[in-house]
Amino acid sequence: IKLGVWKLGDSPTPVPFSPIDSEDRLEGALYQDISILDDELMILGRQVSTAHGTRIDLLGIDSEGELTVIELKRDRTPREVVAQVLDYASWVDGLSYDDVTDLYEEHNPATAFEEAFADHFGAAVPEALNESHDLVVVASELDPSTERIIDYLSSK
C-alpha cells in the first residue's frame, strides 16, 4: 500500500511521512475521533485489559456488532506485531454479548451500551454480537515481512 500527500502551492510538493512522536498521542486522537480511521466504528474501550494480562490499544464495534481490534505503533512495525494482534483476537473471539456490554460500560460508566450504540448508529443493537472480528494495525510504516504476513492472512 502506497500513500502520498502533496502540498499544493506554486508547484506540488510531497509531504514527507514521519513517525508520530508518541503512540499515546495517536491513541488519544483516535479515541476522540475514530472516524479518522473508520467512520463505521464506535469505540468500546481504550487500553482494554485482556484475560492474558495484555492491553488492546482500542477496541471498536461496527453497526453489525462485529468487533475491531486496533493496535497502534508509532513507528515501523516489527513482524511480532502480527502475533500480538492475533493474541488479542484469540481473546476477543470468546467475548459474549454480556462481555461486550460489560466491557463498554466499564470504560464508559456514564452511558449504557445499548443507548450509546443507538445514538452512534441510529439503530438498535443486533441480537448477536461478535460473530466475527477485524484486526487493524495502524503504523507509519509496515516492514516488508509484516506486510507479507498481513497480506497472506487477509487473503485467507
Protein backbone atom coordinates (compact mmCIF):
# COMPACT_ATOMS: atom_id res chain seq x y z
CA ILE A 1 0.00 0.00 0.00
CA LYS A 2 1.40 3.34 -1.00
CA LEU A 3 0.02 6.64 0.17
CA GLY A 4 1.15 10.11 -0.80
CA VAL A 5 0.19 13.56 0.37
CA TRP A 6 1.08 16.66 -1.61
CA LYS A 7 1.06 20.30 -0.63
CA LEU A 8 -0.36 22.41 -3.43
CA GLY A 9 1.16 25.82 -3.96
CA ASP A 10 3.25 27.28 -6.76
CA SER A 11 4.25 23.71 -7.51
CA PRO A 12 3.14 20.42 -5.91
CA THR A 13 5.49 19.35 -3.12
CA PRO A 14 5.38 15.91 -1.49
CA VAL A 15 4.76 15.97 2.25
CA PRO A 16 7.19 13.55 3.93
CA PHE A 17 5.87 10.99 6.37
CA SER A 18 7.48 10.64 9.76
CA PRO A 19 6.74 8.61 12.86
CA ILE A 20 4.40 10.23 15.36
CA ASP A 21 6.22 11.40 18.46
CA SER A 22 4.04 9.37 20.83
CA GLU A 23 1.85 6.30 20.47
CA ASP A 24 -0.29 7.69 23.29
CA ARG A 25 -0.90 10.85 21.25
CA LEU A 26 -2.06 8.79 18.28
CA GLU A 27 -4.26 6.67 20.55
CA GLY A 28 -5.79 9.77 22.12
CA ALA A 29 -6.60 11.30 18.74
CA LEU A 30 -8.29 8.11 17.50
CA TYR A 31 -10.13 7.66 20.79
CA GLN A 32 -11.53 11.19 20.49
CA ASP A 33 -12.48 10.75 16.81
CA ILE A 34 -12.34 7.20 15.45
CA SER A 35 -13.73 8.45 12.13
CA ILE A 36 -10.13 9.45 11.34
CA LEU A 37 -9.56 5.72 10.90
CA ASP A 38 -13.04 4.38 10.15
CA ASP A 39 -16.33 6.26 10.30
CA GLU A 40 -18.22 2.97 10.69
CA LEU A 41 -16.85 2.26 14.18
CA MET A 42 -17.76 3.11 17.75
CA ILE A 43 -15.07 2.72 20.41
CA LEU A 44 -15.89 0.25 23.18
CA GLY A 45 -12.76 0.95 25.18
CA ARG A 46 -9.21 2.23 25.29
CA GLN A 47 -6.40 0.15 26.82
CA VAL A 48 -8.77 -2.80 27.20
CA SER A 49 -7.37 -5.43 29.56
CA THR A 50 -7.50 -8.99 28.30
CA ALA A 51 -7.62 -12.17 30.38
CA HIS A 52 -4.00 -12.77 29.29
CA GLY A 53 -2.65 -9.72 31.14
CA THR A 54 -2.23 -7.65 27.98
CA ARG A 55 -3.98 -4.49 26.80
CA ILE A 56 -5.65 -3.76 23.47
CA ASP A 57 -4.97 -0.16 22.41
CA LEU A 58 -8.52 0.41 21.11
CA LEU A 59 -11.46 -1.95 20.75
CA GLY A 60 -14.30 -0.93 18.48
CA ILE A 61 -17.61 -2.23 17.24
CA ASP A 62 -19.48 -1.64 13.98
CA SER A 63 -23.20 -1.38 13.28
CA GLU A 64 -23.40 -5.15 12.60
CA GLY A 65 -21.99 -5.95 16.04
CA GLU A 66 -18.58 -7.05 14.75
CA LEU A 67 -15.62 -6.14 16.92
CA THR A 68 -12.43 -4.47 15.68
CA VAL A 69 -9.08 -4.77 17.46
CA ILE A 70 -6.92 -1.72 16.76
CA GLU A 71 -3.20 -1.96 17.53
CA LEU A 72 -1.16 1.22 17.23
CA LYS A 73 2.54 1.52 16.55
CA ARG A 74 4.07 4.98 16.43
CA ASP A 75 6.86 3.87 14.14
CA ARG A 76 7.69 0.99 11.86
CA THR A 77 6.07 -2.32 12.76
CA PRO A 78 8.16 -5.35 13.62
CA ARG A 79 6.70 -8.63 12.42
CA GLU A 80 5.95 -9.52 16.06
CA VAL A 81 3.00 -7.11 15.91
CA VAL A 82 1.12 -9.76 13.91
CA ALA A 83 1.48 -12.27 16.76
CA GLN A 84 0.42 -9.58 19.23
CA VAL A 85 -2.75 -8.80 17.28
CA LEU A 86 -3.55 -12.50 16.81
CA ASP A 87 -3.18 -12.99 20.56
CA TYR A 88 -5.71 -10.19 21.12
CA ALA A 89 -8.01 -11.80 18.54
CA SER A 90 -7.91 -15.11 20.41
CA TRP A 91 -9.28 -13.31 23.47
CA VAL A 92 -11.82 -11.17 21.59
CA ASP A 93 -13.17 -14.27 19.83
CA GLY A 94 -14.57 -15.59 23.11
CA LEU A 95 -16.41 -12.43 24.19
CA SER A 96 -20.15 -12.92 24.67
CA TYR A 97 -22.90 -10.33 24.29
CA ASP A 98 -22.78 -9.68 28.05
CA ASP A 99 -18.97 -9.43 27.98
CA VAL A 100 -19.15 -6.77 25.26
CA THR A 101 -21.78 -4.70 27.07
CA ASP A 102 -19.94 -5.03 30.39
CA LEU A 103 -16.67 -4.01 28.76
CA TYR A 104 -18.26 -0.92 27.22
CA GLU A 105 -19.87 0.11 30.49
CA GLU A 106 -16.60 -0.45 32.40
CA HIS A 107 -14.86 2.02 30.05
CA ASN A 108 -17.85 4.36 29.72
CA PRO A 109 -19.71 4.28 33.05
CA ALA A 110 -21.91 7.28 32.27
CA THR A 111 -23.77 5.61 29.38
CA ALA A 112 -25.42 2.23 28.89
CA PHE A 113 -24.11 0.28 25.91
CA GLU A 114 -27.49 -0.07 24.19
CA GLU A 115 -28.12 3.69 24.45
CA ALA A 116 -24.65 4.62 23.14
CA PHE A 117 -24.99 2.14 20.26
CA ALA A 118 -28.39 3.53 19.24
CA ASP A 119 -27.08 7.11 19.44
CA HIS A 120 -24.00 6.30 17.40
CA PHE A 121 -25.51 4.09 14.71
CA GLY A 122 -29.16 5.17 14.75
CA ALA A 123 -30.25 1.56 15.21
CA ALA A 124 -30.79 -0.99 17.94
CA VAL A 125 -28.03 -3.36 18.96
CA PRO A 126 -28.08 -6.54 16.84
CA GLU A 127 -29.31 -9.66 18.63
CA ALA A 128 -25.90 -11.31 18.19
CA LEU A 129 -22.62 -9.54 18.82
CA ASN A 130 -19.09 -10.55 17.96
CA GLU A 131 -19.88 -13.19 15.35
CA SER A 132 -16.69 -12.06 13.61
CA HIS A 133 -13.98 -9.51 14.16
CA ASP A 134 -11.45 -7.39 12.30
CA LEU A 135 -7.83 -6.74 13.16
CA VAL A 136 -6.29 -3.37 12.32
CA VAL A 137 -2.67 -2.28 12.67
CA VAL A 138 -2.04 1.47 12.47
CA ALA A 139 1.58 2.46 11.89
CA SER A 140 3.63 5.00 9.98
CA GLU A 141 5.25 2.15 8.06
CA LEU A 142 4.99 -1.63 7.73
CA ASP A 143 8.20 -3.57 7.41
CA PRO A 144 8.21 -5.96 4.43
CA SER A 145 7.82 -9.16 6.47
CA THR A 146 4.87 -7.73 8.41
CA GLU A 147 3.22 -6.63 5.17
CA ARG A 148 3.69 -10.10 3.62
CA ILE A 149 2.19 -11.79 6.69
CA ILE A 150 -0.79 -9.41 6.80
CA ASP A 151 -1.40 -9.81 3.05
CA TYR A 152 -1.33 -13.59 3.45
CA LEU A 153 -3.71 -13.60 6.42
CA SER A 154 -6.15 -11.17 4.81
CA SER A 155 -6.32 -13.31 1.65
CA LYS A 156 -7.21 -16.42 3.69
